[in-house]
Protein backbone atom coordinates (compact mmCIF):
# COMPACT_ATOMS: atom_id res chain seq x y z
CA MET A 1 146.24 171.03 -14.68
CA ALA A 2 149.88 171.10 -15.59
CA CYS A 3 151.74 168.01 -16.62
CA PRO A 4 153.77 166.53 -13.74
CA GLY A 5 157.04 168.38 -13.37
CA ARG A 6 155.92 171.16 -15.72
CA ALA A 7 154.12 174.31 -14.72
CA VAL A 8 153.66 177.75 -16.18
CA GLY A 9 156.16 179.89 -14.32
CA ALA A 10 155.20 183.26 -12.93
CA PHE A 11 156.83 185.09 -15.83
CA GLY A 12 155.21 182.84 -18.44
CA ALA A 13 151.78 183.15 -16.88
CA ALA A 14 152.06 186.90 -16.51
CA GLU A 15 153.35 187.34 -20.04
CA GLY A 16 150.63 185.10 -21.46
CA THR A 17 147.95 186.88 -19.47
CA LEU A 18 149.12 190.31 -20.62
CA GLN A 19 148.92 189.19 -24.24
CA VAL A 20 145.58 187.37 -24.00
CA LEU A 21 143.51 189.97 -22.13
CA PRO A 22 143.61 193.01 -24.47
CA SER A 23 142.89 190.89 -27.53
CA SER A 24 140.26 188.67 -25.88
CA GLY A 25 142.31 185.70 -27.03
CA ALA A 26 142.67 186.80 -30.67
CA LEU A 27 146.46 186.58 -30.77
CA THR A 28 148.66 186.97 -33.80
CA ASP A 29 150.39 183.82 -35.04
CA ALA A 30 153.66 185.11 -33.58
CA GLU A 31 152.40 185.45 -30.00
CA PRO A 32 151.56 181.78 -29.30
CA ALA A 33 154.71 180.80 -31.19
CA ALA A 34 156.79 183.00 -28.87
CA PHE A 35 155.05 181.48 -25.83
CA GLN A 36 155.91 177.99 -27.09
CA ALA A 37 159.46 179.04 -28.00
CA ALA A 38 159.89 180.10 -24.36
CA GLY A 39 159.32 176.45 -23.41
CA HIS A 40 155.59 176.49 -22.77
CA THR A 41 153.00 174.22 -24.34
CA ARG A 42 149.53 174.78 -25.74
CA ARG A 43 148.27 173.19 -22.54
CA ASP A 44 150.13 175.87 -20.54
CA ALA A 45 148.38 178.52 -22.65
CA LEU A 46 145.03 176.92 -21.85
CA GLU A 47 145.90 177.08 -18.14
CA VAL A 48 146.47 180.83 -18.50
CA VAL A 49 143.00 181.23 -20.02
CA LEU A 50 141.39 179.00 -17.37
CA GLY A 51 143.10 181.03 -14.64
CA ILE A 52 141.76 184.27 -16.09
CA GLY A 53 138.26 182.77 -16.21
CA ALA A 54 138.39 181.47 -12.64
CA TYR A 55 139.66 184.80 -11.32
CA THR A 56 137.07 186.77 -13.31
CA ARG A 57 134.14 184.64 -12.12
CA SER A 58 135.33 184.72 -8.52
CA THR A 59 135.77 188.49 -8.57
CA PHE A 60 132.38 189.01 -10.25
CA ALA A 61 130.61 186.77 -7.72
CA ASN A 62 132.31 188.43 -4.74
CA ARG A 63 131.39 191.89 -5.96
CA LEU A 64 127.84 190.87 -6.85
CA THR A 65 127.22 189.39 -3.41
CA ARG A 66 129.34 191.98 -1.65
CA ALA A 67 131.22 189.14 0.02
CA ALA A 68 133.31 190.18 2.98
CA TRP A 69 137.03 190.24 2.35
CA THR A 70 139.05 188.09 4.72
CA ARG A 71 142.77 187.84 5.17
CA ALA A 72 144.28 184.69 3.67
CA VAL A 73 145.00 182.03 6.26
CA SER A 74 148.63 181.03 6.45
CA ALA A 75 150.43 178.32 8.35
CA PRO A 76 151.72 179.33 11.78
CA THR A 77 155.40 180.20 11.99
CA GLY A 78 157.46 177.06 12.43
CA ALA A 79 154.77 174.74 11.05
CA SER A 80 156.16 171.61 9.45
CA GLY A 81 153.73 171.67 6.53
CA ARG A 82 152.42 168.18 7.27
């Protein structure tokens, strides 16, 4: 979980994911340094890895069980969000 008030932005997560996947996490010293120089923490990098793992397991399980795909449920138009 991200620290309060701090989250990996879409660009940071995407960039981190693109770097982590092909190398299976074996990054050069410069790659994590660049991630941190962009304002992210080591904890943010761990969140990228955890997100990849959660997505991978979910996808594997859905394909293995041939789970039916359903449209995401969204709030009705005009909902207050409460």
